[in-house]
Amino acid sequence: MSDDKPSYRLLTGPDDHAFCVRVSEALAEGYVLYGSPAITYNGATCIVAQAVVLPEVVR
């Protein structure tokens, strides 16, 4: 693992295929899901958020 990776990331974006790919890529890089996803509606589209952390951060 690279030392320059942030230990915490909050991924956000429209609830679409591209967002799912970004979360999947983070998992492939060694991150794990942290907490439940969040969703909101901005009047035009659903916006989602998912926190991910490196496993050594979770205690």
N, C-alpha and C. Protein backbone atom coordinates (compact mmCIF):
# COMPACT_ATOMS: atom_id res chain seq x y z
N MET A 1 0.83 -1.19 0.00
CA MET A 1 0.00 0.00 0.00
C MET A 1 0.87 1.25 0.00
N SER A 2 0.44 2.20 -0.74
CA SER A 2 1.18 3.45 -0.83
C SER A 2 0.91 4.31 0.38
N ASP A 3 1.98 4.96 0.88
CA ASP A 3 1.83 5.83 2.04
C ASP A 3 1.09 7.12 1.71
N ASP A 4 0.98 7.46 0.43
CA ASP A 4 0.32 8.71 0.08
C ASP A 4 -1.19 8.57 -0.09
N LYS A 5 -1.73 7.36 0.12
CA LYS A 5 -3.18 7.18 0.06
C LYS A 5 -3.81 7.80 1.30
N PRO A 6 -4.87 8.57 1.13
CA PRO A 6 -5.58 9.05 2.33
C PRO A 6 -6.23 7.87 3.03
N SER A 7 -6.25 7.89 4.34
CA SER A 7 -6.84 6.79 5.08
C SER A 7 -8.37 6.82 5.04
N TYR A 8 -8.94 7.97 4.69
CA TYR A 8 -10.39 8.14 4.63
C TYR A 8 -10.73 8.85 3.33
N ARG A 9 -11.76 8.37 2.67
CA ARG A 9 -12.27 9.04 1.47
C ARG A 9 -13.78 9.05 1.53
N LEU A 10 -14.37 10.14 1.10
CA LEU A 10 -15.83 10.22 0.95
C LEU A 10 -16.11 10.36 -0.53
N LEU A 11 -16.68 9.32 -1.10
CA LEU A 11 -17.01 9.32 -2.52
C LEU A 11 -18.43 9.84 -2.68
N THR A 12 -18.62 10.78 -3.57
CA THR A 12 -19.95 11.36 -3.81
C THR A 12 -20.19 11.48 -5.30
N GLY A 13 -21.46 11.53 -5.67
CA GLY A 13 -21.79 11.74 -7.07
C GLY A 13 -23.20 11.28 -7.36
N PRO A 14 -23.61 11.45 -8.61
CA PRO A 14 -24.93 10.96 -9.02
C PRO A 14 -25.02 9.45 -8.83
N ASP A 15 -26.20 8.97 -8.53
CA ASP A 15 -26.41 7.53 -8.34
C ASP A 15 -26.49 6.87 -9.72
N ASP A 16 -25.31 6.56 -10.27
CA ASP A 16 -25.25 5.98 -11.60
C ASP A 16 -24.14 4.94 -11.68
N HIS A 17 -23.97 4.38 -12.85
CA HIS A 17 -22.95 3.34 -13.05
C HIS A 17 -21.55 3.85 -12.71
N ALA A 18 -21.24 5.07 -13.09
CA ALA A 18 -19.91 5.63 -12.84
C ALA A 18 -19.60 5.69 -11.35
N PHE A 19 -20.60 6.03 -10.54
CA PHE A 19 -20.39 6.07 -9.08
C PHE A 19 -20.10 4.66 -8.57
N CYS A 20 -20.85 3.68 -9.02
CA CYS A 20 -20.63 2.29 -8.61
C CYS A 20 -19.22 1.83 -8.99
N VAL A 21 -18.75 2.24 -10.16
CA VAL A 21 -17.41 1.89 -10.60
C VAL A 21 -16.38 2.53 -9.67
N ARG A 22 -16.58 3.79 -9.28
CA ARG A 22 -15.63 4.47 -8.38
C ARG A 22 -15.55 3.76 -7.03
N VAL A 23 -16.70 3.34 -6.49
CA VAL A 23 -16.69 2.62 -5.22
C VAL A 23 -15.99 1.27 -5.41
N SER A 24 -16.30 0.58 -6.48
CA SER A 24 -15.67 -0.72 -6.76
C SER A 24 -14.15 -0.58 -6.90
N GLU A 25 -13.70 0.47 -7.55
CA GLU A 25 -12.26 0.71 -7.70
C GLU A 25 -11.60 0.96 -6.35
N ALA A 26 -12.26 1.72 -5.48
CA ALA A 26 -11.71 1.97 -4.15
C ALA A 26 -11.59 0.66 -3.37
N LEU A 27 -12.59 -0.21 -3.48
CA LEU A 27 -12.54 -1.50 -2.81
C LEU A 27 -11.38 -2.33 -3.36
N ALA A 28 -11.17 -2.30 -4.65
CA ALA A 28 -10.08 -3.04 -5.28
C ALA A 28 -8.72 -2.51 -4.84
N GLU A 29 -8.65 -1.22 -4.49
CA GLU A 29 -7.41 -0.61 -4.01
C GLU A 29 -7.12 -0.93 -2.55
N GLY A 30 -8.05 -1.63 -1.89
CA GLY A 30 -7.82 -2.03 -0.51
C GLY A 30 -8.67 -1.30 0.51
N TYR A 31 -9.49 -0.36 0.08
CA TYR A 31 -10.39 0.33 1.01
C TYR A 31 -11.55 -0.59 1.39
N VAL A 32 -12.16 -0.30 2.53
CA VAL A 32 -13.36 -1.01 2.96
C VAL A 32 -14.45 0.02 3.20
N LEU A 33 -15.70 -0.42 3.03
CA LEU A 33 -16.82 0.48 3.27
C LEU A 33 -16.85 0.89 4.74
N TYR A 34 -17.22 2.14 5.01
CA TYR A 34 -17.30 2.64 6.37
C TYR A 34 -18.65 3.32 6.55
N GLY A 35 -19.49 2.74 7.35
CA GLY A 35 -20.81 3.32 7.58
C GLY A 35 -21.75 3.04 6.43
N SER A 36 -22.94 3.53 6.58
CA SER A 36 -23.98 3.34 5.57
C SER A 36 -23.87 4.41 4.49
N PRO A 37 -24.31 4.10 3.28
CA PRO A 37 -24.35 5.13 2.25
C PRO A 37 -25.43 6.15 2.58
N ALA A 38 -25.29 7.33 2.01
CA ALA A 38 -26.28 8.39 2.17
C ALA A 38 -26.78 8.77 0.78
N ILE A 39 -28.03 9.24 0.72
CA ILE A 39 -28.60 9.65 -0.56
C ILE A 39 -29.47 10.89 -0.34
N THR A 40 -29.44 11.78 -1.30
CA THR A 40 -30.29 12.96 -1.27
C THR A 40 -30.74 13.25 -2.70
N TYR A 41 -31.76 14.05 -2.81
CA TYR A 41 -32.30 14.43 -4.12
C TYR A 41 -32.13 15.93 -4.27
N ASN A 42 -31.50 16.37 -5.35
CA ASN A 42 -31.24 17.80 -5.53
C ASN A 42 -32.26 18.48 -6.44
N GLY A 43 -33.39 17.82 -6.70
CA GLY A 43 -34.41 18.37 -7.57
C GLY A 43 -34.32 17.86 -8.99
N ALA A 44 -33.19 17.26 -9.33
CA ALA A 44 -33.03 16.73 -10.68
C ALA A 44 -32.52 15.30 -10.68
N THR A 45 -31.68 14.97 -9.71
CA THR A 45 -31.08 13.63 -9.68
C THR A 45 -30.78 13.23 -8.23
N CYS A 46 -30.62 11.96 -8.02
CA CYS A 46 -30.22 11.46 -6.70
C CYS A 46 -28.70 11.54 -6.60
N ILE A 47 -28.22 12.09 -5.48
CA ILE A 47 -26.80 12.19 -5.20
C ILE A 47 -26.51 11.25 -4.03
N VAL A 48 -25.47 10.43 -4.19
CA VAL A 48 -25.13 9.45 -3.16
C VAL A 48 -23.73 9.74 -2.60
N ALA A 49 -23.51 9.22 -1.40
CA ALA A 49 -22.21 9.35 -0.75
C ALA A 49 -21.89 8.04 -0.05
N GLN A 50 -20.63 7.63 -0.11
CA GLN A 50 -20.18 6.45 0.61
C GLN A 50 -18.77 6.71 1.12
N ALA A 51 -18.59 6.54 2.42
CA ALA A 51 -17.26 6.67 3.00
C ALA A 51 -16.53 5.34 2.87
N VAL A 52 -15.23 5.42 2.61
CA VAL A 52 -14.37 4.25 2.59
C VAL A 52 -13.11 4.59 3.39
N VAL A 53 -12.55 3.57 4.04
CA VAL A 53 -11.33 3.75 4.83
C VAL A 53 -10.38 2.60 4.54
N LEU A 54 -9.12 2.82 4.83
CA LEU A 54 -8.16 1.72 4.77
C LEU A 54 -8.38 0.84 5.99
N PRO A 55 -8.24 -0.47 5.86
CA PRO A 55 -8.57 -1.39 6.96
C PRO A 55 -7.84 -1.09 8.26
N GLU A 56 -6.61 -0.62 8.20
CA GLU A 56 -5.85 -0.36 9.44
C GLU A 56 -6.41 0.81 10.25
N VAL A 57 -7.30 1.59 9.65
CA VAL A 57 -7.91 2.72 10.35
C VAL A 57 -9.05 2.23 11.26
N VAL A 58 -9.73 1.18 10.84
CA VAL A 58 -10.88 0.66 11.59
C VAL A 58 -10.37 -0.12 12.81
N ARG A 59 -10.88 0.25 13.97
CA ARG A 59 -10.46 -0.44 15.21
C ARG A 59 -11.64 -1.03 15.89
